[in-house]
mmCIF file of all heavy atoms, coordinates in Angstrom:
data_MODEL
# 
_entry.id   MODEL 
# 
loop_
_atom_site.group_PDB 
_atom_site.id 
_atom_site.type_symbol 
_atom_site.label_atom_id 
_atom_site.label_alt_id 
_atom_site.label_comp_id 
_atom_site.label_asym_id 
_atom_site.label_entity_id 
_atom_site.label_seq_id 
_atom_site.pdbx_PDB_ins_code 
_atom_site.Cartn_x 
_atom_site.Cartn_y 
_atom_site.Cartn_z 
_atom_site.occupancy 
_atom_site.B_iso_or_equiv 
_atom_site.pdbx_formal_charge 
_atom_site.auth_seq_id 
_atom_site.auth_comp_id 
_atom_site.auth_asym_id 
_atom_site.auth_atom_id 
_atom_site.pdbx_PDB_model_num 
ATOM 1   N N   . THR A 1 1  ? -27.831 48.333 0.368  1.00 0.00 ? 1  THR A N   1 
ATOM 2   C CA  . THR A 1 1  ? -27.976 46.958 0.794  1.00 0.00 ? 1  THR A CA  1 
ATOM 3   C C   . THR A 1 1  ? -27.066 46.048 -0.013 1.00 0.00 ? 1  THR A C   1 
ATOM 4   O O   . THR A 1 1  ? -26.508 45.070 0.503  1.00 0.00 ? 1  THR A O   1 
ATOM 5   C CB  . THR A 1 1  ? -29.442 46.507 0.653  1.00 0.00 ? 1  THR A CB  1 
ATOM 6   O OG1 . THR A 1 1  ? -30.258 47.330 1.479  1.00 0.00 ? 1  THR A OG1 1 
ATOM 7   C CG2 . THR A 1 1  ? -29.617 45.050 1.066  1.00 0.00 ? 1  THR A CG2 1 
ATOM 8   N N   . ASP A 1 2  ? -26.870 46.359 -1.287 1.00 0.00 ? 2  ASP A N   1 
ATOM 9   C CA  . ASP A 1 2  ? -26.000 45.544 -2.138 1.00 0.00 ? 2  ASP A CA  1 
ATOM 10  C C   . ASP A 1 2  ? -24.569 45.540 -1.613 1.00 0.00 ? 2  ASP A C   1 
ATOM 11  O O   . ASP A 1 2  ? -23.904 44.499 -1.624 1.00 0.00 ? 2  ASP A O   1 
ATOM 12  C CB  . ASP A 1 2  ? -26.024 46.070 -3.576 1.00 0.00 ? 2  ASP A CB  1 
ATOM 13  C CG  . ASP A 1 2  ? -27.350 45.788 -4.277 1.00 0.00 ? 2  ASP A CG  1 
ATOM 14  O OD1 . ASP A 1 2  ? -28.112 44.934 -3.776 1.00 0.00 ? 2  ASP A OD1 1 
ATOM 15  O OD2 . ASP A 1 2  ? -27.611 46.431 -5.309 1.00 0.00 ? 2  ASP A OD2 1 
ATOM 16  N N   . GLU A 1 3  ? -24.094 46.694 -1.162 1.00 0.00 ? 3  GLU A N   1 
ATOM 17  C CA  . GLU A 1 3  ? -22.729 46.768 -0.617 1.00 0.00 ? 3  GLU A CA  1 
ATOM 18  C C   . GLU A 1 3  ? -22.592 45.940 0.643  1.00 0.00 ? 3  GLU A C   1 
ATOM 19  O O   . GLU A 1 3  ? -21.593 45.237 0.842  1.00 0.00 ? 3  GLU A O   1 
ATOM 20  C CB  . GLU A 1 3  ? -22.358 48.230 -0.338 1.00 0.00 ? 3  GLU A CB  1 
ATOM 21  C CG  . GLU A 1 3  ? -22.182 49.083 -1.586 1.00 0.00 ? 3  GLU A CG  1 
ATOM 22  C CD  . GLU A 1 3  ? -21.956 50.536 -1.247 1.00 0.00 ? 3  GLU A CD  1 
ATOM 23  O OE1 . GLU A 1 3  ? -22.438 50.965 -0.168 1.00 0.00 ? 3  GLU A OE1 1 
ATOM 24  O OE2 . GLU A 1 3  ? -21.322 51.246 -2.039 1.00 0.00 ? 3  GLU A OE2 1 
ATOM 25  N N   . LEU A 1 4  ? -23.592 46.029 1.514  1.00 0.00 ? 4  LEU A N   1 
ATOM 26  C CA  . LEU A 1 4  ? -23.570 45.255 2.754  1.00 0.00 ? 4  LEU A CA  1 
ATOM 27  C C   . LEU A 1 4  ? -23.619 43.764 2.448  1.00 0.00 ? 4  LEU A C   1 
ATOM 28  O O   . LEU A 1 4  ? -22.877 42.972 3.033  1.00 0.00 ? 4  LEU A O   1 
ATOM 29  C CB  . LEU A 1 4  ? -24.747 45.655 3.642  1.00 0.00 ? 4  LEU A CB  1 
ATOM 30  C CG  . LEU A 1 4  ? -24.914 44.871 4.944  1.00 0.00 ? 4  LEU A CG  1 
ATOM 31  C CD1 . LEU A 1 4  ? -23.658 44.961 5.808  1.00 0.00 ? 4  LEU A CD1 1 
ATOM 32  C CD2 . LEU A 1 4  ? -26.129 45.358 5.715  1.00 0.00 ? 4  LEU A CD2 1 
ATOM 33  N N   . GLN A 1 5  ? -24.502 43.366 1.536  1.00 0.00 ? 5  GLN A N   1 
ATOM 34  C CA  . GLN A 1 5  ? -24.583 41.960 1.185  1.00 0.00 ? 5  GLN A CA  1 
ATOM 35  C C   . GLN A 1 5  ? -23.280 41.457 0.578  1.00 0.00 ? 5  GLN A C   1 
ATOM 36  O O   . GLN A 1 5  ? -22.850 40.334 0.864  1.00 0.00 ? 5  GLN A O   1 
ATOM 37  C CB  . GLN A 1 5  ? -25.738 41.718 0.211  1.00 0.00 ? 5  GLN A CB  1 
ATOM 38  C CG  . GLN A 1 5  ? -27.106 41.751 0.853  1.00 0.00 ? 5  GLN A CG  1 
ATOM 39  C CD  . GLN A 1 5  ? -28.188 41.205 -0.056 1.00 0.00 ? 5  GLN A CD  1 
ATOM 40  O OE1 . GLN A 1 5  ? -27.897 40.731 -1.148 1.00 0.00 ? 5  GLN A OE1 1 
ATOM 41  N NE2 . GLN A 1 5  ? -29.421 41.271 0.389  1.00 0.00 ? 5  GLN A NE2 1 
ATOM 42  N N   . ALA A 1 6  ? -22.646 42.273 -0.241 1.00 0.00 ? 6  ALA A N   1 
ATOM 43  C CA  . ALA A 1 6  ? -21.371 41.871 -0.843 1.00 0.00 ? 6  ALA A CA  1 
ATOM 44  C C   . ALA A 1 6  ? -20.312 41.656 0.238  1.00 0.00 ? 6  ALA A C   1 
ATOM 45  O O   . ALA A 1 6  ? -19.523 40.702 0.174  1.00 0.00 ? 6  ALA A O   1 
ATOM 46  C CB  . ALA A 1 6  ? -20.909 42.927 -1.846 1.00 0.00 ? 6  ALA A CB  1 
ATOM 47  N N   . ALA A 1 7  ? -20.310 42.541 1.243  1.00 0.00 ? 7  ALA A N   1 
ATOM 48  C CA  . ALA A 1 7  ? -19.353 42.400 2.343  1.00 0.00 ? 7  ALA A CA  1 
ATOM 49  C C   . ALA A 1 7  ? -19.622 41.138 3.143  1.00 0.00 ? 7  ALA A C   1 
ATOM 50  O O   . ALA A 1 7  ? -18.695 40.388 3.489  1.00 0.00 ? 7  ALA A O   1 
ATOM 51  C CB  . ALA A 1 7  ? -19.414 43.633 3.244  1.00 0.00 ? 7  ALA A CB  1 
ATOM 52  N N   . LEU A 1 8  ? -20.896 40.880 3.453  1.00 0.00 ? 8  LEU A N   1 
ATOM 53  C CA  . LEU A 1 8  ? -21.258 39.682 4.211  1.00 0.00 ? 8  LEU A CA  1 
ATOM 54  C C   . LEU A 1 8  ? -20.933 38.414 3.427  1.00 0.00 ? 8  LEU A C   1 
ATOM 55  O O   . LEU A 1 8  ? -20.436 37.427 3.989  1.00 0.00 ? 8  LEU A O   1 
ATOM 56  C CB  . LEU A 1 8  ? -22.743 39.716 4.553  1.00 0.00 ? 8  LEU A CB  1 
ATOM 57  C CG  . LEU A 1 8  ? -23.168 40.760 5.594  1.00 0.00 ? 8  LEU A CG  1 
ATOM 58  C CD1 . LEU A 1 8  ? -24.682 40.896 5.627  1.00 0.00 ? 8  LEU A CD1 1 
ATOM 59  C CD2 . LEU A 1 8  ? -22.638 40.393 6.983  1.00 0.00 ? 8  LEU A CD2 1 
ATOM 60  N N   . LYS A 1 9  ? -21.203 38.433 2.126  1.00 0.00 ? 9  LYS A N   1 
ATOM 61  C CA  . LYS A 1 9  ? -20.875 37.278 1.291  1.00 0.00 ? 9  LYS A CA  1 
ATOM 62  C C   . LYS A 1 9  ? -19.384 36.995 1.316  1.00 0.00 ? 9  LYS A C   1 
ATOM 63  O O   . LYS A 1 9  ? -18.955 35.847 1.454  1.00 0.00 ? 9  LYS A O   1 
ATOM 64  C CB  . LYS A 1 9  ? -21.332 37.523 -0.154 1.00 0.00 ? 9  LYS A CB  1 
ATOM 65  C CG  . LYS A 1 9  ? -22.811 37.365 -0.388 1.00 0.00 ? 9  LYS A CG  1 
ATOM 66  C CD  . LYS A 1 9  ? -23.133 37.582 -1.866 1.00 0.00 ? 9  LYS A CD  1 
ATOM 67  C CE  . LYS A 1 9  ? -24.609 37.401 -2.145 1.00 0.00 ? 9  LYS A CE  1 
ATOM 68  N NZ  . LYS A 1 9  ? -24.938 37.634 -3.581 1.00 0.00 ? 9  LYS A NZ  1 
ATOM 69  N N   . ALA A 1 10 ? -18.589 38.042 1.172  1.00 0.00 ? 10 ALA A N   1 
ATOM 70  C CA  . ALA A 1 10 ? -17.132 37.859 1.161  1.00 0.00 ? 10 ALA A CA  1 
ATOM 71  C C   . ALA A 1 10 ? -16.644 37.289 2.482  1.00 0.00 ? 10 ALA A C   1 
ATOM 72  O O   . ALA A 1 10 ? -15.793 36.383 2.516  1.00 0.00 ? 10 ALA A O   1 
ATOM 73  C CB  . ALA A 1 10 ? -16.451 39.190 0.861  1.00 0.00 ? 10 ALA A CB  1 
ATOM 74  N N   . ILE A 1 11 ? -17.186 37.791 3.588  1.00 0.00 ? 11 ILE A N   1 
ATOM 75  C CA  . ILE A 1 11 ? -16.786 37.298 4.913  1.00 0.00 ? 11 ILE A CA  1 
ATOM 76  C C   . ILE A 1 11 ? -17.124 35.823 5.056  1.00 0.00 ? 11 ILE A C   1 
ATOM 77  O O   . ILE A 1 11 ? -16.301 35.013 5.492  1.00 0.00 ? 11 ILE A O   1 
ATOM 78  C CB  . ILE A 1 11 ? -17.481 38.126 6.016  1.00 0.00 ? 11 ILE A CB  1 
ATOM 79  C CG1 . ILE A 1 11 ? -16.923 39.548 6.047  1.00 0.00 ? 11 ILE A CG1 1 
ATOM 80  C CG2 . ILE A 1 11 ? -17.316 37.459 7.381  1.00 0.00 ? 11 ILE A CG2 1 
ATOM 81  C CD1 . ILE A 1 11 ? -17.735 40.504 6.907  1.00 0.00 ? 11 ILE A CD1 1 
ATOM 82  N N   . TRP A 1 12 ? -18.360 35.471 4.690  1.00 0.00 ? 12 TRP A N   1 
ATOM 83  C CA  . TRP A 1 12 ? -18.803 34.085 4.902  1.00 0.00 ? 12 TRP A CA  1 
ATOM 84  C C   . TRP A 1 12 ? -18.153 33.116 3.910  1.00 0.00 ? 12 TRP A C   1 
ATOM 85  O O   . TRP A 1 12 ? -17.733 32.015 4.277  1.00 0.00 ? 12 TRP A O   1 
ATOM 86  C CB  . TRP A 1 12 ? -20.317 33.993 4.793  1.00 0.00 ? 12 TRP A CB  1 
ATOM 87  C CG  . TRP A 1 12 ? -20.830 32.694 5.351  1.00 0.00 ? 12 TRP A CG  1 
ATOM 88  C CD1 . TRP A 1 12 ? -21.139 31.561 4.650  1.00 0.00 ? 12 TRP A CD1 1 
ATOM 89  C CD2 . TRP A 1 12 ? -21.051 32.384 6.730  1.00 0.00 ? 12 TRP A CD2 1 
ATOM 90  N NE1 . TRP A 1 12 ? -21.535 30.571 5.502  1.00 0.00 ? 12 TRP A NE1 1 
ATOM 91  C CE2 . TRP A 1 12 ? -21.499 31.047 6.793  1.00 0.00 ? 12 TRP A CE2 1 
ATOM 92  C CE3 . TRP A 1 12 ? -20.928 33.103 7.913  1.00 0.00 ? 12 TRP A CE3 1 
ATOM 93  C CZ2 . TRP A 1 12 ? -21.816 30.408 7.989  1.00 0.00 ? 12 TRP A CZ2 1 
ATOM 94  C CZ3 . TRP A 1 12 ? -21.252 32.474 9.112  1.00 0.00 ? 12 TRP A CZ3 1 
ATOM 95  C CH2 . TRP A 1 12 ? -21.683 31.153 9.146  1.00 0.00 ? 12 TRP A CH2 1 
ATOM 96  N N   . GLN A 1 13 ? -18.040 33.512 2.661  1.00 0.00 ? 13 GLN A N   1 
ATOM 97  C CA  . GLN A 1 13 ? -17.484 32.610 1.655  1.00 0.00 ? 13 GLN A CA  1 
ATOM 98  C C   . GLN A 1 13 ? -16.003 32.321 1.892  1.00 0.00 ? 13 GLN A C   1 
ATOM 99  O O   . GLN A 1 13 ? -15.503 31.276 1.474  1.00 0.00 ? 13 GLN A O   1 
ATOM 100 C CB  . GLN A 1 13 ? -17.698 33.192 0.258  1.00 0.00 ? 13 GLN A CB  1 
ATOM 101 C CG  . GLN A 1 13 ? -19.150 33.161 -0.188 1.00 0.00 ? 13 GLN A CG  1 
ATOM 102 C CD  . GLN A 1 13 ? -19.391 33.891 -1.493 1.00 0.00 ? 13 GLN A CD  1 
ATOM 103 O OE1 . GLN A 1 13 ? -18.616 34.755 -1.899 1.00 0.00 ? 13 GLN A OE1 1 
ATOM 104 N NE2 . GLN A 1 13 ? -20.487 33.554 -2.159 1.00 0.00 ? 13 GLN A NE2 1 
ATOM 105 N N   . GLN A 1 14 ? -15.312 33.229 2.587  1.00 0.00 ? 14 GLN A N   1 
ATOM 106 C CA  . GLN A 1 14 ? -13.900 33.007 2.893  1.00 0.00 ? 14 GLN A CA  1 
ATOM 107 C C   . GLN A 1 14 ? -13.704 32.294 4.233  1.00 0.00 ? 14 GLN A C   1 
ATOM 108 O O   . GLN A 1 14 ? -12.587 31.978 4.618  1.00 0.00 ? 14 GLN A O   1 
ATOM 109 C CB  . GLN A 1 14 ? -13.156 34.346 2.929  1.00 0.00 ? 14 GLN A CB  1 
ATOM 110 C CG  . GLN A 1 14 ? -13.115 35.056 1.580  1.00 0.00 ? 14 GLN A CG  1 
ATOM 111 C CD  . GLN A 1 14 ? -12.625 36.487 1.686  1.00 0.00 ? 14 GLN A CD  1 
ATOM 112 O OE1 . GLN A 1 14 ? -11.997 36.867 2.668  1.00 0.00 ? 14 GLN A OE1 1 
ATOM 113 N NE2 . GLN A 1 14 ? -12.936 37.290 0.677  1.00 0.00 ? 14 GLN A NE2 1 
ATOM 114 N N   . ARG A 1 15 ? -14.785 31.996 4.918  1.00 0.00 ? 15 ARG A N   1 
ATOM 115 C CA  . ARG A 1 15 ? -14.706 31.411 6.255  1.00 0.00 ? 15 ARG A CA  1 
ATOM 116 C C   . ARG A 1 15 ? -14.136 29.994 6.209  1.00 0.00 ? 15 ARG A C   1 
ATOM 117 O O   . ARG A 1 15 ? -14.611 29.134 5.492  1.00 0.00 ? 15 ARG A O   1 
ATOM 118 C CB  . ARG A 1 15 ? -16.113 31.374 6.855  1.00 0.00 ? 15 ARG A CB  1 
ATOM 119 C CG  . ARG A 1 15 ? -16.175 30.774 8.248  1.00 0.00 ? 15 ARG A CG  1 
ATOM 120 C CD  . ARG A 1 15 ? -17.617 30.507 8.638  1.00 0.00 ? 15 ARG A CD  1 
ATOM 121 N NE  . ARG A 1 15 ? -17.727 30.061 10.012 1.00 0.00 ? 15 ARG A NE  1 
ATOM 122 C CZ  . ARG A 1 15 ? -18.640 29.215 10.456 1.00 0.00 ? 15 ARG A CZ  1 
ATOM 123 N NH1 . ARG A 1 15 ? -19.527 28.701 9.614  1.00 0.00 ? 15 ARG A NH1 1 
ATOM 124 N NH2 . ARG A 1 15 ? -18.669 28.861 11.712 1.00 0.00 ? 15 ARG A NH2 1 
ATOM 125 N N   . THR A 1 16 ? -13.114 29.764 7.034  1.00 0.00 ? 16 THR A N   1 
ATOM 126 C CA  . THR A 1 16 ? -12.495 28.441 7.147  1.00 0.00 ? 16 THR A CA  1 
ATOM 127 C C   . THR A 1 16 ? -12.403 27.966 8.589  1.00 0.00 ? 16 THR A C   1 
ATOM 128 O O   . THR A 1 16 ? -11.994 26.837 8.845  1.00 0.00 ? 16 THR A O   1 
ATOM 129 C CB  . THR A 1 16 ? -11.074 28.445 6.563  1.00 0.00 ? 16 THR A CB  1 
ATOM 130 O OG1 . THR A 1 16 ? -10.271 29.384 7.301  1.00 0.00 ? 16 THR A OG1 1 
ATOM 131 C CG2 . THR A 1 16 ? -11.078 28.824 5.089  1.00 0.00 ? 16 THR A CG2 1 
ATOM 132 N N   . ASP A 1 17 ? -12.772 28.802 9.567  1.00 0.00 ? 17 ASP A N   1 
ATOM 133 C CA  . ASP A 1 17 ? -12.484 28.515 10.966 1.00 0.00 ? 17 ASP A CA  1 
ATOM 134 C C   . ASP A 1 17 ? -13.187 27.265 11.487 1.00 0.00 ? 17 ASP A C   1 
ATOM 135 O O   . ASP A 1 17 ? -14.331 26.991 11.153 1.00 0.00 ? 17 ASP A O   1 
ATOM 136 C CB  . ASP A 1 17 ? -12.811 29.715 11.864 1.00 0.00 ? 17 ASP A CB  1 
ATOM 137 C CG  . ASP A 1 17 ? -14.156 30.355 11.537 1.00 0.00 ? 17 ASP A CG  1 
ATOM 138 O OD1 . ASP A 1 17 ? -15.123 29.628 11.247 1.00 0.00 ? 17 ASP A OD1 1 
ATOM 139 O OD2 . ASP A 1 17 ? -14.220 31.579 11.566 1.00 0.00 ? 17 ASP A OD2 1 
ATOM 140 N N   . ARG A 1 18 ? -12.480 26.525 12.295 1.00 0.00 ? 18 ARG A N   1 
ATOM 141 C CA  . ARG A 1 18 ? -12.996 25.367 13.033 1.00 0.00 ? 18 ARG A CA  1 
ATOM 142 C C   . ARG A 1 18 ? -12.090 25.152 14.244 1.00 0.00 ? 18 ARG A C   1 
ATOM 143 O O   . ARG A 1 18 ? -11.507 24.084 14.437 1.00 0.00 ? 18 ARG A O   1 
ATOM 144 C CB  . ARG A 1 18 ? -13.088 24.128 12.137 1.00 0.00 ? 18 ARG A CB  1 
ATOM 145 C CG  . ARG A 1 18 ? -11.842 23.792 11.352 1.00 0.00 ? 18 ARG A CG  1 
ATOM 146 C CD  . ARG A 1 18 ? -12.110 22.672 10.341 1.00 0.00 ? 18 ARG A CD  1 
ATOM 147 N NE  . ARG A 1 18 ? -10.866 22.229 9.723  1.00 0.00 ? 18 ARG A NE  1 
ATOM 148 C CZ  . ARG A 1 18 ? -10.115 21.229 10.166 1.00 0.00 ? 18 ARG A CZ  1 
ATOM 149 N NH1 . ARG A 1 18 ? -10.488 20.561 11.241 1.00 0.00 ? 18 ARG A NH1 1 
ATOM 150 N NH2 . ARG A 1 18 ? -9.009  20.885 9.543  1.00 0.00 ? 18 ARG A NH2 1 
ATOM 151 N N   . TYR A 1 19 ? -12.013 26.204 15.056 1.00 0.00 ? 19 TYR A N   1 
ATOM 152 C CA  . TYR A 1 19 ? -11.051 26.230 16.151 1.00 0.00 ? 19 TYR A CA  1 
ATOM 153 C C   . TYR A 1 19 ? -11.220 25.075 17.127 1.00 0.00 ? 19 TYR A C   1 
ATOM 154 O O   . TYR A 1 19 ? -10.235 24.474 17.565 1.00 0.00 ? 19 TYR A O   1 
ATOM 155 C CB  . TYR A 1 19 ? -11.146 27.570 16.910 1.00 0.00 ? 19 TYR A CB  1 
ATOM 156 C CG  . TYR A 1 19 ? -10.277 27.597 18.147 1.00 0.00 ? 19 TYR A CG  1 
ATOM 157 C CD1 . TYR A 1 19 ? -8.910  27.800 18.032 1.00 0.00 ? 19 TYR A CD1 1 
ATOM 158 C CD2 . TYR A 1 19 ? -10.816 27.383 19.413 1.00 0.00 ? 19 TYR A CD2 1 
ATOM 159 C CE1 . TYR A 1 19 ? -8.094  27.797 19.154 1.00 0.00 ? 19 TYR A CE1 1 
ATOM 160 C CE2 . TYR A 1 19 ? -10.011 27.366 20.536 1.00 0.00 ? 19 TYR A CE2 1 
ATOM 161 C CZ  . TYR A 1 19 ? -8.660  27.578 20.401 1.00 0.00 ? 19 TYR A CZ  1 
ATOM 162 O OH  . TYR A 1 19 ? -7.862  27.562 21.514 1.00 0.00 ? 19 TYR A OH  1 
ATOM 163 N N   . SER A 1 20 ? -12.455 24.758 17.497 1.00 0.00 ? 20 SER A N   1 
ATOM 164 C CA  . SER A 1 20 ? -12.651 23.702 18.496 1.00 0.00 ? 20 SER A CA  1 
ATOM 165 C C   . SER A 1 20 ? -12.096 22.363 18.020 1.00 0.00 ? 20 SER A C   1 
ATOM 166 O O   . SER A 1 20 ? -11.600 21.573 18.820 1.00 0.00 ? 20 SER A O   1 
ATOM 167 C CB  . SER A 1 20 ? -14.137 23.562 18.851 1.00 0.00 ? 20 SER A CB  1 
ATOM 168 O OG  . SER A 1 20 ? -14.516 24.575 19.757 1.00 0.00 ? 20 SER A OG  1 
ATOM 169 N N   . GLU A 1 21 ? -12.193 22.094 16.725 1.00 0.00 ? 21 GLU A N   1 
ATOM 170 C CA  . GLU A 1 21 ? -11.656 20.846 16.193 1.00 0.00 ? 21 GLU A CA  1 
ATOM 171 C C   . GLU A 1 21 ? -10.135 20.866 16.134 1.00 0.00 ? 21 GLU A C   1 
ATOM 172 O O   . GLU A 1 21 ? -9.491  19.807 16.107 1.00 0.00 ? 21 GLU A O   1 
ATOM 173 C CB  . GLU A 1 21 ? -12.217 20.587 14.799 1.00 0.00 ? 21 GLU A CB  1 
ATOM 174 C CG  . GLU A 1 21 ? -13.715 20.302 14.790 1.00 0.00 ? 21 GLU A CG  1 
ATOM 175 C CD  . GLU A 1 21 ? -14.264 20.084 13.400 1.00 0.00 ? 21 GLU A CD  1 
ATOM 176 O OE1 . GLU A 1 21 ? -13.545 20.371 12.416 1.00 0.00 ? 21 GLU A OE1 1 
ATOM 177 O OE2 . GLU A 1 21 ? -15.420 19.635 13.292 1.00 0.00 ? 21 GLU A OE2 1 
ATOM 178 N N   . GLU A 1 22 ? -9.548  22.063 16.136 1.00 0.00 ? 22 GLU A N   1 
ATOM 179 C CA  . GLU A 1 22 ? -8.098  22.193 16.014 1.00 0.00 ? 22 GLU A CA  1 
ATOM 180 C C   . GLU A 1 22 ? -7.419  22.553 17.328 1.00 0.00 ? 22 GLU A C   1 
ATOM 181 O O   . GLU A 1 22 ? -6.206  22.771 17.374 1.00 0.00 ? 22 GLU A O   1 
ATOM 182 C CB  . GLU A 1 22 ? -7.766  23.277 14.982 1.00 0.00 ? 22 GLU A CB  1 
ATOM 183 C CG  . GLU A 1 22 ? -8.307  22.988 13.587 1.00 0.00 ? 22 GLU A CG  1 
ATOM 184 C CD  . GLU A 1 22 ? -8.115  24.160 12.649 1.00 0.00 ? 22 GLU A CD  1 
ATOM 185 O OE1 . GLU A 1 22 ? -7.986  25.306 13.150 1.00 0.00 ? 22 GLU A OE1 1 
ATOM 186 O OE2 . GLU A 1 22 ? -8.090  23.944 11.432 1.00 0.00 ? 22 GLU A OE2 1 
ATOM 187 N N   . ARG A 1 23 ? -8.195  22.595 18.414 1.00 0.00 ? 23 ARG A N   1 
ATOM 188 C CA  . ARG A 1 23 ? -7.694  23.102 19.685 1.00 0.00 ? 23 ARG A CA  1 
ATOM 189 C C   . ARG A 1 23 ? -6.403  22.399 20.133 1.00 0.00 ? 23 ARG A C   1 
ATOM 190 O O   . ARG A 1 23 ? -5.432  23.033 20.533 1.00 0.00 ? 23 ARG A O   1 
ATOM 191 C CB  . ARG A 1 23 ? -8.769  22.978 20.759 1.00 0.00 ? 23 ARG A CB  1 
ATOM 192 C CG  . ARG A 1 23 ? -8.362  23.528 22.121 1.00 0.00 ? 23 ARG A CG  1 
ATOM 193 C CD  . ARG A 1 23 ? -9.491  23.406 23.126 1.00 0.00 ? 23 ARG A CD  1 
ATOM 194 N NE  . ARG A 1 23 ? -10.503 24.438 22.936 1.00 0.00 ? 23 ARG A NE  1 
ATOM 195 C CZ  . ARG A 1 23 ? -11.671 24.243 22.359 1.00 0.00 ? 23 ARG A CZ  1 
ATOM 196 N NH1 . ARG A 1 23 ? -11.989 23.041 21.899 1.00 0.00 ? 23 ARG A NH1 1 
ATOM 197 N NH2 . ARG A 1 23 ? -12.534 25.223 22.228 1.00 0.00 ? 23 ARG A NH2 1 
ATOM 198 N N   . GLU A 1 24 ? -6.385  21.095 20.093 1.00 0.00 ? 24 GLU A N   1 
ATOM 199 C CA  . GLU A 1 24 ? -5.222  20.341 20.580 1.00 0.00 ? 24 GLU A CA  1 
ATOM 200 C C   . GLU A 1 24 ? -3.981  20.621 19.753 1.00 0.00 ? 24 GLU A C   1 
ATOM 201 O O   . GLU A 1 24 ? -2.878  20.749 20.289 1.00 0.00 ? 24 GLU A O   1 
ATOM 202 C CB  . GLU A 1 24 ? -5.530  18.841 20.592 1.00 0.00 ? 24 GLU A CB  1 
ATOM 203 C CG  . GLU A 1 24 ? -6.550  18.437 21.643 1.00 0.00 ? 24 GLU A CG  1 
ATOM 204 C CD  . GLU A 1 24 ? -6.680  16.933 21.761 1.00 0.00 ? 24 GLU A CD  1 
ATOM 205 O OE1 . GLU A 1 24 ? -5.878  16.210 21.125 1.00 0.00 ? 24 GLU A OE1 1 
ATOM 206 O OE2 . GLU A 1 24 ? -7.586  16.476 22.485 1.00 0.00 ? 24 GLU A OE2 1 
ATOM 207 N N   . GLN A 1 25 ? -4.139  20.737 18.429 1.00 0.00 ? 25 GLN A N   1 
ATOM 208 C CA  . GLN A 1 25 ? -2.985  21.020 17.574 1.00 0.00 ? 25 GLN A CA  1 
ATOM 209 C C   . GLN A 1 25 ? -2.442  22.421 17.789 1.00 0.00 ? 25 GLN A C   1 
ATOM 210 O O   . GLN A 1 25 ? -1.274  22.689 17.473 1.00 0.00 ? 25 GLN A O   1 
ATOM 211 C CB  . GLN A 1 25 ? -3.354  20.848 16.092 1.00 0.00 ? 25 GLN A CB  1 
ATOM 212 C CG  . GLN A 1 25 ? -3.814  19.440 15.707 1.00 0.00 ? 25 GLN A CG  1 
ATOM 213 C CD  . GLN A 1 25 ? -5.313  19.314 15.702 1.00 0.00 ? 25 GLN A CD  1 
ATOM 214 O OE1 . GLN A 1 25 ? -5.947  19.350 16.758 1.00 0.00 ? 25 GLN A OE1 1 
ATOM 215 N NE2 . GLN A 1 25 ? -5.897  19.170 14.507 1.00 0.00 ? 25 GLN A NE2 1 
ATOM 216 N N   . ARG A 1 26 ? -3.288  23.325 18.325 1.00 0.00 ? 26 ARG A N   1 
ATOM 217 C CA  . ARG A 1 26 ? -2.877  24.719 18.471 1.00 0.00 ? 26 ARG A CA  1 
ATOM 218 C C   . ARG A 1 26 ? -2.457  25.063 19.899 1.00 0.00 ? 26 ARG A C   1 
ATOM 219 O O   . ARG A 1 26 ? -2.289  26.227 20.233 1.00 0.00 ? 26 ARG A O   1 
ATOM 220 C CB  . ARG A 1 26 ? -4.019  25.630 18.018 1.00 0.00 ? 26 ARG A CB  1 
ATOM 221 C CG  . ARG A 1 26 ? -4.410  25.391 16.571 1.00 0.00 ? 26 ARG A CG  1 
ATOM 222 C CD  . ARG A 1 26 ? -5.525  26.288 16.111 1.00 0.00 ? 26 ARG A CD  1 
ATOM 223 N NE  . ARG A 1 26 ? -5.130  27.685 16.088 1.00 0.00 ? 26 ARG A NE  1 
ATOM 224 C CZ  . ARG A 1 26 ? -5.880  28.660 15.573 1.00 0.00 ? 26 ARG A CZ  1 
ATOM 225 N NH1 . ARG A 1 26 ? -7.049  28.366 15.033 1.00 0.00 ? 26 ARG A NH1 1 
ATOM 226 N NH2 . ARG A 1 26 ? -5.481  29.910 15.597 1.00 0.00 ? 26 ARG A NH2 1 
ATOM 227 N N   . GLN A 1 27 ? -2.288  24.037 20.719 1.00 0.00 ? 27 GLN A N   1 
ATOM 228 C CA  . GLN A 1 27 ? -1.838  24.285 22.090 1.00 0.00 ? 27 GLN A CA  1 
ATOM 229 C C   . GLN A 1 27 ? -0.460  24.947 22.079 1.00 0.00 ? 27 GLN A C   1 
ATOM 230 O O   . GLN A 1 27 ? 0.411   24.584 21.299 1.00 0.00 ? 27 GLN A O   1 
ATOM 231 C CB  . GLN A 1 27 ? -1.777  22.966 22.864 1.00 0.00 ? 27 GLN A CB  1 
ATOM 232 C CG  . GLN A 1 27 ? -3.128  22.436 23.280 1.00 0.00 ? 27 GLN A CG  1 
ATOM 233 C CD  . GLN A 1 27 ? -3.036  21.176 24.118 1.00 0.00 ? 27 GLN A CD  1 
ATOM 234 O OE1 . GLN A 1 27 ? -1.952  20.667 24.369 1.00 0.00 ? 27 GLN A OE1 1 
ATOM 235 N NE2 . GLN A 1 27 ? -4.173  20.668 24.561 1.00 0.00 ? 27 GLN A NE2 1 
ATOM 236 N N   . GLY A 1 28 ? -0.286  25.905 22.949 1.00 0.00 ? 28 GLY A N   1 
ATOM 237 C CA  . GLY A 1 28 ? 0.982   26.613 23.031 1.00 0.00 ? 28 GLY A CA  1 
ATOM 238 C C   . GLY A 1 28 ? 1.019   27.891 22.218 1.00 0.00 ? 28 GLY A C   1 
ATOM 239 O O   . GLY A 1 28 ? 1.930   28.709 22.398 1.00 0.00 ? 28 GLY A O   1 
ATOM 240 N N   . GLU A 1 29 ? 0.062   28.069 21.316 1.00 0.00 ? 29 GLU A N   1 
ATOM 241 C CA  . GLU A 1 29 ? 0.011   29.311 20.552 1.00 0.00 ? 29 GLU A CA  1 
ATOM 242 C C   . GLU A 1 29 ? -0.348  30.483 21.461 1.00 0.00 ? 29 GLU A C   1 
ATOM 243 O O   . GLU A 1 29 ? -1.135  30.344 22.396 1.00 0.00 ? 29 GLU A O   1 
ATOM 244 C CB  . GLU A 1 29 ? -1.047  29.217 19.437 1.00 0.00 ? 29 GLU A CB  1 
ATOM 245 C CG  . GLU A 1 29 ? -0.680  28.321 18.296 1.00 0.00 ? 29 GLU A CG  1 
ATOM 246 C CD  . GLU A 1 29 ? -1.715  28.398 17.180 1.00 0.00 ? 29 GLU A CD  1 
ATOM 247 O OE1 . GLU A 1 29 ? -2.623  29.255 17.275 1.00 0.00 ? 29 GLU A OE1 1 
ATOM 248 O OE2 . GLU A 1 29 ? -1.623  27.595 16.242 1.00 0.00 ? 29 GLU A OE2 1 
# 
């Protein structure tokens, strides 16, 4: 469980996504 929690923590703590707020700036990608 410790390994799984460490993986989940790393995924969430590195999370920066906010695609819907950036949609217009990313048009054409």
